[in-house]
Structures are given as C-alpha cells and as structure tokens.
Amino acid sequence: VFIKEVRIYTEPLATNNSFTVALIGSDGNIITDSSRTFTVGTSPVVSGDDLVRYNPAINRTYALGVRVTNAGTVNWVGTKIEIDYDDAGV
C-alpha cells in the first residue's frame, strides 16, 4: 500500500502534551521517514486540538503497524487512528 495520510483523534490536548507517531514495517522497525512528533504549542498543534494529521513520505509497504509513544510530561488520551492509503500495485 501507499500511505497518503495519518490522522490521530484525541481528547482535547493540553499544555505539555507531546507524542510521537511512527509507522512500523514487516520487520517490526520504524519505517524510514514515517515518524512525526506532535507537541502542544508547536505549530500546527495548539491547546484544545482534538485532531492531528500528517502525510508521511515513505515507500510503499505490504505490512503496516502504528506505534504511539508519549513524549510529554502530561498524559493524553487517543481515541482513534485513521490511515488513508492507496493500492500500490504488485
């Protein structure tokens, strides 16, 4: 598949919320250029947001996992992850 966009829905984010989202390949490792760190107060994330999104620039893959790691000092709650993809052919 070819990944077009990743969206993470959360409860409203607050100051000191920060987390990293990474896409995982078939070998269990992070796919190169697939991770993104979101920190409240750093563009484009502001306090009160309940959705963050990004477009990873990665090669097509046949296996996909998602790893989310808390990087801030305040816990946050994720409610849903959506991934838009296209068929990348054989």
PDB file of N, CA and C in Angstrom:
ATOM      1  N   VAL A   1       0.836  -1.187   0.000  1.00  0.00           N
ATOM      2  CA  VAL A   1       0.000   0.000   0.000  1.00  0.00           C
ATOM      3  C   VAL A   1       0.876   1.243   0.000  1.00  0.00           C
ATOM      4  N   PHE A   2       0.304   2.325  -0.435  1.00  0.00           N
ATOM      5  CA  PHE A   2       0.939   3.636  -0.403  1.00  0.00           C
ATOM      6  C   PHE A   2       0.175   4.489   0.607  1.00  0.00           C
ATOM      7  N   ILE A   3       0.845   4.958   1.645  1.00  0.00           N
ATOM      8  CA  ILE A   3       0.199   5.718   2.717  1.00  0.00           C
ATOM      9  C   ILE A   3       0.071   7.180   2.295  1.00  0.00           C
ATOM     10  N   LYS A   4      -1.154   7.690   2.343  1.00  0.00           N
ATOM     11  CA  LYS A   4      -1.420   9.070   1.946  1.00  0.00           C
ATOM     12  C   LYS A   4      -1.486  10.016   3.142  1.00  0.00           C
ATOM     13  N   GLU A   5      -2.201   9.611   4.212  1.00  0.00           N
ATOM     14  CA  GLU A   5      -2.351  10.494   5.370  1.00  0.00           C
ATOM     15  C   GLU A   5      -2.617   9.657   6.620  1.00  0.00           C
ATOM     16  N   VAL A   6      -2.093  10.131   7.738  1.00  0.00           N
ATOM     17  CA  VAL A   6      -2.347   9.529   9.040  1.00  0.00           C
ATOM     18  C   VAL A   6      -3.035  10.583   9.898  1.00  0.00           C
ATOM     19  N   ARG A   7      -4.167  10.195  10.538  1.00  0.00           N
ATOM     20  CA  ARG A   7      -4.900  11.106  11.421  1.00  0.00           C
ATOM     21  C   ARG A   7      -5.036  10.462  12.793  1.00  0.00           C
ATOM     22  N   ILE A   8      -4.767  11.245  13.835  1.00  0.00           N
ATOM     23  CA  ILE A   8      -4.891  10.779  15.206  1.00  0.00           C
ATOM     24  C   ILE A   8      -5.898  11.677  15.907  1.00  0.00           C
ATOM     25  N   TYR A   9      -6.993  11.073  16.352  1.00  0.00           N
ATOM     26  CA  TYR A   9      -8.025  11.796  17.089  1.00  0.00           C
ATOM     27  C   TYR A   9      -7.749  11.630  18.577  1.00  0.00           C
ATOM     28  N   THR A  10      -7.907  12.703  19.339  1.00  0.00           N
ATOM     29  CA  THR A  10      -7.607  12.687  20.763  1.00  0.00           C
ATOM     30  C   THR A  10      -8.701  13.406  21.537  1.00  0.00           C
ATOM     31  N   GLU A  11      -8.682  13.231  22.849  1.00  0.00           N
ATOM     32  CA  GLU A  11      -9.437  14.149  23.686  1.00  0.00           C
ATOM     33  C   GLU A  11      -8.692  15.474  23.599  1.00  0.00           C
ATOM     34  N   PRO A  12      -9.331  16.608  23.909  1.00  0.00           N
ATOM     35  CA  PRO A  12      -8.650  17.897  23.752  1.00  0.00           C
ATOM     36  C   PRO A  12      -7.260  17.903  24.402  1.00  0.00           C
ATOM     37  N   LEU A  13      -6.275  18.291  23.606  1.00  0.00           N
ATOM     38  CA  LEU A  13      -4.887  18.314  24.063  1.00  0.00           C
ATOM     39  C   LEU A  13      -4.635  19.530  24.949  1.00  0.00           C
ATOM     40  N   ALA A  14      -3.685  19.370  25.871  1.00  0.00           N
ATOM     41  CA  ALA A  14      -3.379  20.434  26.826  1.00  0.00           C
ATOM     42  C   ALA A  14      -1.882  20.725  26.822  1.00  0.00           C
ATOM     43  N   THR A  15      -1.501  21.803  27.466  1.00  0.00           N
ATOM     44  CA  THR A  15      -0.094  22.170  27.606  1.00  0.00           C
ATOM     45  C   THR A  15       0.701  20.983  28.128  1.00  0.00           C
ATOM     46  N   ASN A  16       1.890  20.800  27.586  1.00  0.00           N
ATOM     47  CA  ASN A  16       2.822  19.719  27.928  1.00  0.00           C
ATOM     48  C   ASN A  16       2.415  18.358  27.384  1.00  0.00           C
ATOM     49  N   ASN A  17       1.388  18.296  26.520  1.00  0.00           N
ATOM     50  CA  ASN A  17       1.104  17.054  25.795  1.00  0.00           C
ATOM     51  C   ASN A  17       2.068  16.974  24.626  1.00  0.00           C
ATOM     52  N   SER A  18       2.668  15.828  24.449  1.00  0.00           N
ATOM     53  CA  SER A  18       3.562  15.584  23.322  1.00  0.00           C
ATOM     54  C   SER A  18       3.602  14.083  23.079  1.00  0.00           C
ATOM     55  N   PHE A  19       3.584  13.684  21.811  1.00  0.00           N
ATOM     56  CA  PHE A  19       3.642  12.265  21.482  1.00  0.00           C
ATOM     57  C   PHE A  19       4.210  12.091  20.090  1.00  0.00           C
ATOM     58  N   THR A  20       4.786  10.921  19.873  1.00  0.00           N
ATOM     59  CA  THR A  20       5.373  10.578  18.583  1.00  0.00           C
ATOM     60  C   THR A  20       4.586   9.428  17.973  1.00  0.00           C
ATOM     61  N   VAL A  21       4.250   9.581  16.701  1.00  0.00           N
ATOM     62  CA  VAL A  21       3.557   8.544  15.944  1.00  0.00           C
ATOM     63  C   VAL A  21       4.553   8.018  14.907  1.00  0.00           C
ATOM     64  N   ALA A  22       4.703   6.699  14.847  1.00  0.00           N
ATOM     65  CA  ALA A  22       5.616   6.091  13.884  1.00  0.00           C
ATOM     66  C   ALA A  22       4.921   4.911  13.221  1.00  0.00           C
ATOM     67  N   LEU A  23       5.175   4.733  11.939  1.00  0.00           N
ATOM     68  CA  LEU A  23       4.649   3.592  11.197  1.00  0.00           C
ATOM     69  C   LEU A  23       5.688   2.481  11.236  1.00  0.00           C
ATOM     70  N   ILE A  24       5.215   1.265  11.448  1.00  0.00           N
ATOM     71  CA  ILE A  24       6.084   0.107  11.648  1.00  0.00           C
ATOM     72  C   ILE A  24       5.944  -0.836  10.457  1.00  0.00           C
ATOM     73  N   GLY A  25       7.073  -1.312   9.951  1.00  0.00           N
ATOM     74  CA  GLY A  25       7.074  -2.225   8.810  1.00  0.00           C
ATOM     75  C   GLY A  25       7.023  -3.681   9.230  1.00  0.00           C
ATOM     76  N   SER A  26       7.148  -4.575   8.259  1.00  0.00           N
ATOM     77  CA  SER A  26       7.032  -6.013   8.499  1.00  0.00           C
ATOM     78  C   SER A  26       8.133  -6.549   9.406  1.00  0.00           C
ATOM     79  N   ASP A  27       9.256  -5.854   9.493  1.00  0.00           N
ATOM     80  CA  ASP A  27      10.362  -6.309  10.350  1.00  0.00           C
ATOM     81  C   ASP A  27      10.223  -5.828  11.793  1.00  0.00           C
ATOM     82  N   GLY A  28       9.146  -5.086  12.084  1.00  0.00           N
ATOM     83  CA  GLY A  28       8.923  -4.587  13.432  1.00  0.00           C
ATOM     84  C   GLY A  28       9.644  -3.294  13.748  1.00  0.00           C
ATOM     85  N   ASN A  29      10.331  -2.742  12.762  1.00  0.00           N
ATOM     86  CA  ASN A  29      11.073  -1.492  12.949  1.00  0.00           C
ATOM     87  C   ASN A  29      10.327  -0.322  12.332  1.00  0.00           C
ATOM     88  N   ILE A  30      10.679   0.881  12.784  1.00  0.00           N
ATOM     89  CA  ILE A  30      10.071   2.098  12.251  1.00  0.00           C
ATOM     90  C   ILE A  30      10.477   2.266  10.785  1.00  0.00           C
ATOM     91  N   ILE A  31       9.500   2.535   9.939  1.00  0.00           N
ATOM     92  CA  ILE A  31       9.765   2.797   8.522  1.00  0.00           C
ATOM     93  C   ILE A  31      10.434   4.161   8.408  1.00  0.00           C
ATOM     94  N   THR A  32      11.522   4.232   7.655  1.00  0.00           N
ATOM     95  CA  THR A  32      12.272   5.472   7.473  1.00  0.00           C
ATOM     96  C   THR A  32      11.358   6.610   7.042  1.00  0.00           C
ATOM     97  N   ASP A  33      11.491   7.748   7.682  1.00  0.00           N
ATOM     98  CA  ASP A  33      10.743   8.980   7.392  1.00  0.00           C
ATOM     99  C   ASP A  33       9.247   8.875   7.692  1.00  0.00           C
ATOM    100  N   SER A  34       8.849   7.915   8.542  1.00  0.00           N
ATOM    101  CA  SER A  34       7.423   7.751   8.821  1.00  0.00           C
ATOM    102  C   SER A  34       6.986   8.371  10.141  1.00  0.00           C
ATOM    103  N   SER A  35       7.927   8.770  10.984  1.00  0.00           N
ATOM    104  CA  SER A  35       7.532   9.233  12.312  1.00  0.00           C
ATOM    105  C   SER A  35       7.352  10.748  12.344  1.00  0.00           C
ATOM    106  N   ARG A  36       6.507  11.160  13.280  1.00  0.00           N
ATOM    107  CA  ARG A  36       6.228  12.593  13.463  1.00  0.00           C
ATOM    108  C   ARG A  36       5.923  12.821  14.935  1.00  0.00           C
ATOM    109  N   THR A  37       6.544  13.834  15.523  1.00  0.00           N
ATOM    110  CA  THR A  37       6.277  14.203  16.906  1.00  0.00           C
ATOM    111  C   THR A  37       5.358  15.407  16.934  1.00  0.00           C
ATOM    112  N   PHE A  38       4.323  15.316  17.747  1.00  0.00           N
ATOM    113  CA  PHE A  38       3.361  16.396  17.920  1.00  0.00           C
ATOM    114  C   PHE A  38       3.492  16.933  19.341  1.00  0.00           C
ATOM    115  N   THR A  39       3.693  18.244  19.466  1.00  0.00           N
ATOM    116  CA  THR A  39       3.840  18.887  20.765  1.00  0.00           C
ATOM    117  C   THR A  39       2.916  20.085  20.822  1.00  0.00           C
ATOM    118  N   VAL A  40       2.078  20.128  21.860  1.00  0.00           N
ATOM    119  CA  VAL A  40       1.165  21.261  22.013  1.00  0.00           C
ATOM    120  C   VAL A  40       1.992  22.535  22.156  1.00  0.00           C
ATOM    121  N   GLY A  41       1.618  23.549  21.401  1.00  0.00           N
ATOM    122  CA  GLY A  41       2.324  24.824  21.405  1.00  0.00           C
ATOM    123  C   GLY A  41       3.342  24.952  20.288  1.00  0.00           C
ATOM    124  N   THR A  42       3.566  23.852  19.561  1.00  0.00           N
ATOM    125  CA  THR A  42       4.462  23.858  18.415  1.00  0.00           C
ATOM    126  C   THR A  42       3.601  23.649  17.176  1.00  0.00           C
ATOM    127  N   SER A  43       3.686  24.566  16.244  1.00  0.00           N
ATOM    128  CA  SER A  43       2.848  24.538  15.045  1.00  0.00           C
ATOM    129  C   SER A  43       2.865  23.149  14.411  1.00  0.00           C
ATOM    130  N   PRO A  44       1.749  22.618  14.034  1.00  0.00           N
ATOM    131  CA  PRO A  44       0.422  23.215  13.988  1.00  0.00           C
ATOM    132  C   PRO A  44      -0.466  22.849  15.179  1.00  0.00           C
ATOM    133  N   VAL A  45       0.089  22.311  16.272  1.00  0.00           N
ATOM    134  CA  VAL A  45      -0.719  21.812  17.385  1.00  0.00           C
ATOM    135  C   VAL A  45      -0.873  22.883  18.470  1.00  0.00           C
ATOM    136  N   VAL A  46      -2.120  23.173  18.828  1.00  0.00           N
ATOM    137  CA  VAL A  46      -2.393  24.137  19.898  1.00  0.00           C
ATOM    138  C   VAL A  46      -3.282  23.484  20.954  1.00  0.00           C
ATOM    139  N   SER A  47      -3.255  24.048  22.141  1.00  0.00           N
ATOM    140  CA  SER A  47      -4.078  23.543  23.233  1.00  0.00           C
ATOM    141  C   SER A  47      -5.548  23.528  22.811  1.00  0.00           C
ATOM    142  N   GLY A  48      -6.225  22.441  23.102  1.00  0.00           N
ATOM    143  CA  GLY A  48      -7.628  22.291  22.739  1.00  0.00           C
ATOM    144  C   GLY A  48      -7.855  21.500  21.467  1.00  0.00           C
ATOM    145  N   ASP A  49      -6.817  21.310  20.656  1.00  0.00           N
ATOM    146  CA  ASP A  49      -6.957  20.493  19.438  1.00  0.00           C
ATOM    147  C   ASP A  49      -7.365  19.076  19.812  1.00  0.00           C
ATOM    148  N   ASP A  50      -8.161  18.441  18.941  1.00  0.00           N
ATOM    149  CA  ASP A  50      -8.521  17.044  19.164  1.00  0.00           C
ATOM    150  C   ASP A  50      -8.242  16.181  17.934  1.00  0.00           C
ATOM    151  N   LEU A  51      -7.454  16.728  17.010  1.00  0.00           N
ATOM    152  CA  LEU A  51      -7.063  16.005  15.800  1.00  0.00           C
ATOM    153  C   LEU A  51      -5.702  16.517  15.341  1.00  0.00           C
ATOM    154  N   VAL A  52      -4.798  15.578  15.063  1.00  0.00           N
ATOM    155  CA  VAL A  52      -3.532  15.917  14.408  1.00  0.00           C
ATOM    156  C   VAL A  52      -3.409  15.016  13.196  1.00  0.00           C
ATOM    157  N   ARG A  53      -2.710  15.484  12.183  1.00  0.00           N
ATOM    158  CA  ARG A  53      -2.572  14.702  10.950  1.00  0.00           C
ATOM    159  C   ARG A  53      -1.228  14.987  10.308  1.00  0.00           C
ATOM    160  N   TYR A  54      -0.784  14.018   9.512  1.00  0.00           N
ATOM    161  CA  TYR A  54       0.439  14.228   8.735  1.00  0.00           C
ATOM    162  C   TYR A  54       0.457  13.304   7.539  1.00  0.00           C
ATOM    163  N   ASN A  55       1.326  13.636   6.593  1.00  0.00           N
ATOM    164  CA  ASN A  55       1.479  12.875   5.353  1.00  0.00           C
ATOM    165  C   ASN A  55       2.904  12.335   5.295  1.00  0.00           C
ATOM    166  N   PRO A  56       3.105  11.080   5.705  1.00  0.00           N
ATOM    167  CA  PRO A  56       4.463  10.535   5.689  1.00  0.00           C
ATOM    168  C   PRO A  56       4.955  10.316   4.264  1.00  0.00           C
ATOM    169  N   ALA A  57       6.208  10.644   4.048  1.00  0.00           N
ATOM    170  CA  ALA A  57       6.818  10.451   2.727  1.00  0.00           C
ATOM    171  C   ALA A  57       7.623   9.153   2.760  1.00  0.00           C
ATOM    172  N   ILE A  58       6.901   8.033   2.623  1.00  0.00           N
ATOM    173  CA  ILE A  58       7.563   6.734   2.709  1.00  0.00           C
ATOM    174  C   ILE A  58       7.308   5.924   1.441  1.00  0.00           C
ATOM    175  N   ASN A  59       8.153   4.918   1.248  1.00  0.00           N
ATOM    176  CA  ASN A  59       7.952   3.995   0.133  1.00  0.00           C
ATOM    177  C   ASN A  59       6.746   3.113   0.416  1.00  0.00           C
ATOM    178  N   ARG A  60       6.219   2.498  -0.609  1.00  0.00           N
ATOM    179  CA  ARG A  60       5.089   1.587  -0.423  1.00  0.00           C
ATOM    180  C   ARG A  60       5.520   0.429   0.471  1.00  0.00           C
ATOM    181  N   THR A  61       4.536  -0.195   1.105  1.00  0.00           N
ATOM    182  CA  THR A  61       4.813  -1.280   2.034  1.00  0.00           C
ATOM    183  C   THR A  61       3.692  -2.308   1.969  1.00  0.00           C
ATOM    184  N   TYR A  62       3.990  -3.543   2.312  1.00  0.00           N
ATOM    185  CA  TYR A  62       2.966  -4.588   2.309  1.00  0.00           C
ATOM    186  C   TYR A  62       2.484  -4.927   3.720  1.00  0.00           C
ATOM    187  N   ALA A  63       3.135  -4.362   4.724  1.00  0.00           N
ATOM    188  CA  ALA A  63       2.728  -4.591   6.115  1.00  0.00           C
ATOM    189  C   ALA A  63       2.839  -3.264   6.861  1.00  0.00           C
ATOM    190  N   LEU A  64       1.884  -3.009   7.761  1.00  0.00           N
ATOM    191  CA  LEU A  64       1.874  -1.713   8.434  1.00  0.00           C
ATOM    192  C   LEU A  64       1.360  -1.841   9.854  1.00  0.00           C
ATOM    193  N   GLY A  65       2.086  -1.246  10.760  1.00  0.00           N
ATOM    194  CA  GLY A  65       1.675  -1.124  12.148  1.00  0.00           C
ATOM    195  C   GLY A  65       1.852   0.321  12.567  1.00  0.00           C
ATOM    196  N   VAL A  66       1.338   0.670  13.725  1.00  0.00           N
ATOM    197  CA  VAL A  66       1.448   2.037  14.229  1.00  0.00           C
ATOM    198  C   VAL A  66       1.957   1.978  15.665  1.00  0.00           C
ATOM    199  N   ARG A  67       2.944   2.811  15.970  1.00  0.00           N
ATOM    200  CA  ARG A  67       3.456   2.933  17.336  1.00  0.00           C
ATOM    201  C   ARG A  67       3.262   4.378  17.781  1.00  0.00           C
ATOM    202  N   VAL A  68       2.639   4.544  18.940  1.00  0.00           N
ATOM    203  CA  VAL A  68       2.444   5.872  19.517  1.00  0.00           C
ATOM    204  C   VAL A  68       3.169   5.892  20.858  1.00  0.00           C
ATOM    205  N   THR A  69       4.054   6.874  21.032  1.00  0.00           N
ATOM    206  CA  THR A  69       4.854   6.974  22.250  1.00  0.00           C
ATOM    207  C   THR A  69       4.625   8.323  22.905  1.00  0.00           C
ATOM    208  N   ASN A  70       4.280   8.318  24.192  1.00  0.00           N
ATOM    209  CA  ASN A  70       4.105   9.565  24.923  1.00  0.00           C
ATOM    210  C   ASN A  70       5.474  10.216  25.104  1.00  0.00           C
ATOM    211  N   ALA A  71       5.586  11.491  24.761  1.00  0.00           N
ATOM    212  CA  ALA A  71       6.860  12.197  24.861  1.00  0.00           C
ATOM    213  C   ALA A  71       6.752  13.414  25.776  1.00  0.00           C
ATOM    214  N   GLY A  72       5.574  13.660  26.315  1.00  0.00           N
ATOM    215  CA  GLY A  72       5.367  14.837  27.148  1.00  0.00           C
ATOM    216  C   GLY A  72       5.332  14.498  28.621  1.00  0.00           C
ATOM    217  N   THR A  73       5.069  15.513  29.429  1.00  0.00           N
ATOM    218  CA  THR A  73       5.009  15.327  30.877  1.00  0.00           C
ATOM    219  C   THR A  73       3.577  15.210  31.373  1.00  0.00           C
ATOM    220  N   VAL A  74       2.609  15.364  30.480  1.00  0.00           N
ATOM    221  CA  VAL A  74       1.198  15.244  30.828  1.00  0.00           C
ATOM    222  C   VAL A  74       0.593  14.164  29.933  1.00  0.00           C
ATOM    223  N   ASN A  75      -0.122  13.221  30.552  1.00  0.00           N
ATOM    224  CA  ASN A  75      -0.759  12.165  29.766  1.00  0.00           C
ATOM    225  C   ASN A  75      -1.861  12.740  28.886  1.00  0.00           C
ATOM    226  N   TRP A  76      -2.132  12.087  27.797  1.00  0.00           N
ATOM    227  CA  TRP A  76      -3.189  12.474  26.869  1.00  0.00           C
ATOM    228  C   TRP A  76      -3.931  11.194  26.487  1.00  0.00           C
ATOM    229  N   VAL A  77      -5.095  11.338  25.868  1.00  0.00           N
ATOM    230  CA  VAL A  77      -5.901  10.176  25.501  1.00  0.00           C
ATOM    231  C   VAL A  77      -6.168  10.196  24.004  1.00  0.00           C
ATOM    232  N   GLY A  78      -5.735   9.158  23.325  1.00  0.00           N
ATOM    233  CA  GLY A  78      -6.059   8.984  21.914  1.00  0.00           C
ATOM    234  C   GLY A  78      -7.353   8.197  21.799  1.00  0.00           C
ATOM    235  N   THR A  79      -8.190   8.568  20.844  1.00  0.00           N
ATOM    236  CA  THR A  79      -9.471   7.889  20.694  1.00  0.00           C
ATOM    237  C   THR A  79      -9.587   7.099  19.396  1.00  0.00           C
ATOM    238  N   LYS A  80      -8.830   7.497  18.370  1.00  0.00           N
ATOM    239  CA  LYS A  80      -8.939   6.792  17.089  1.00  0.00           C
ATOM    240  C   LYS A  80      -7.753   7.164  16.209  1.00  0.00           C
ATOM    241  N   ILE A  81      -7.306   6.200  15.413  1.00  0.00           N
ATOM    242  CA  ILE A  81      -6.276   6.436  14.402  1.00  0.00           C
ATOM    243  C   ILE A  81      -6.860   6.022  13.059  1.00  0.00           C
ATOM    244  N   GLU A  82      -6.748   6.914  12.065  1.00  0.00           N
ATOM    245  CA  GLU A  82      -7.181   6.597  10.708  1.00  0.00           C
ATOM    246  C   GLU A  82      -5.991   6.724   9.763  1.00  0.00           C
ATOM    247  N   ILE A  83      -5.915   5.815   8.812  1.00  0.00           N
ATOM    248  CA  ILE A  83      -4.839   5.847   7.816  1.00  0.00           C
ATOM    249  C   ILE A  83      -5.474   5.761   6.443  1.00  0.00           C
ATOM    250  N   ASP A  84      -5.220   6.783   5.624  1.00  0.00           N
ATOM    251  CA  ASP A  84      -5.669   6.761   4.227  1.00  0.00           C
ATOM    252  C   ASP A  84      -4.556   6.144   3.390  1.00  0.00           C
ATOM    253  N   TYR A  85      -4.933   5.231   2.522  1.00  0.00           N
ATOM    254  CA  TYR A  85      -3.926   4.572   1.686  1.00  0.00           C
ATOM    255  C   TYR A  85      -4.505   4.264   0.313  1.00  0.00           C
ATOM    256  N   ASP A  86      -3.614   4.025  -0.641  1.00  0.00           N
ATOM    257  CA  ASP A  86      -3.981   3.574  -1.973  1.00  0.00           C
ATOM    258  C   ASP A  86      -3.262   2.269  -2.257  1.00  0.00           C
ATOM    259  N   ASP A  87      -3.823   1.495  -3.139  1.00  0.00           N
ATOM    260  CA  ASP A  87      -3.174   0.290  -3.602  1.00  0.00           C
ATOM    261  C   ASP A  87      -1.907   0.690  -4.353  1.00  0.00           C
ATOM    262  N   ALA A  88      -0.787   0.091  -4.011  1.00  0.00           N
ATOM    263  CA  ALA A  88       0.480   0.440  -4.643  1.00  0.00           C
ATOM    264  C   ALA A  88       0.877  -0.558  -5.715  1.00  0.00           C
ATOM    265  N   GLY A  89       0.027  -1.510  -6.001  1.00  0.00           N
ATOM    266  CA  GLY A  89       0.331  -2.475  -7.046  1.00  0.00           C
ATOM    267  C   GLY A  89       1.201  -3.592  -6.542  1.00  0.00           C
ATOM    268  N   VAL A  90       1.605  -4.420  -7.463  1.00  0.00           N
ATOM    269  CA  VAL A  90       2.381  -5.613  -7.101  1.00  0.00           C
ATOM    270  C   VAL A  90       3.848  -5.317  -7.103  1.00  0.00           C
TER     271      VAL A  90
END
